[in-house]
Amino acid sequence: MAQQYTRKVIREVFVQMLNERPLSKITVKDIVTACEINRNTFYYYYPDLYSILTEIFQTELQTVIEEYNDTLSWEESFLAATKFALENKVAIYHVYNSIQKEELEKYLYNVAGNVMTRYVENASNGLKASGEDKKIIVSFYQSALTEMLLHWISSGMKEDPQKVIHRIGLLFDGNIALSLERSAKLNDTW
């Protein structure tokens, strides 16, 4: 119990610091001082600062997987899945502009993939769409959403993400269902 508490406090302090300054300006000493723990305690839980970041993103992704709601649209699911990023814009911006950018990209890609996989699976119920076609559809939207989010972050996160995602949903409304229907028709003719 105390171990989980200590890990949680370290993560929370780290995120708080990321919301205040760039990753390159955060040290283990800063964290142990703020957490009122010693360096050995820190190193008992984490080999370095980057492992905290990796754990945070893994934890957030697991939360997305566990909390996914089949009644939500992909847009609502995606916004819910990116809740951590939206609540910690400055921290995300600092990670994006650090040597750990790859961890952020991987996290966003996995979140987009999880949301789109579940959405495509639900949308294909009752259709004979091929598994390969479903993978292509998921991959396309996963890549597009990830790249759009990365562009949004790199441009300073000025636009309201809800408006952007909602607009994408309106512009592409029905395309996933149409693609799945086409896949089913192709499978019937082949």
Foldseek 3Di string as FASTA:
>chain_A
DVLVVLLVLLLVVLLVVLLVDAPVPDALVNSCVVSVHDSVSVCVPPVGPVVSVLVVLVVLLVVLLVPQDLVDALLVSLCVSCVVCVVRVSSLLSCCPDPNVVSVLVSLLSSLLSSLLSNLVVLLVPFPADPVLSVVVSNVRSVVRSVVVSVCSVVPVPDDSSVVSVVVCVVCPPVSSVSRNVRRVVVVVD
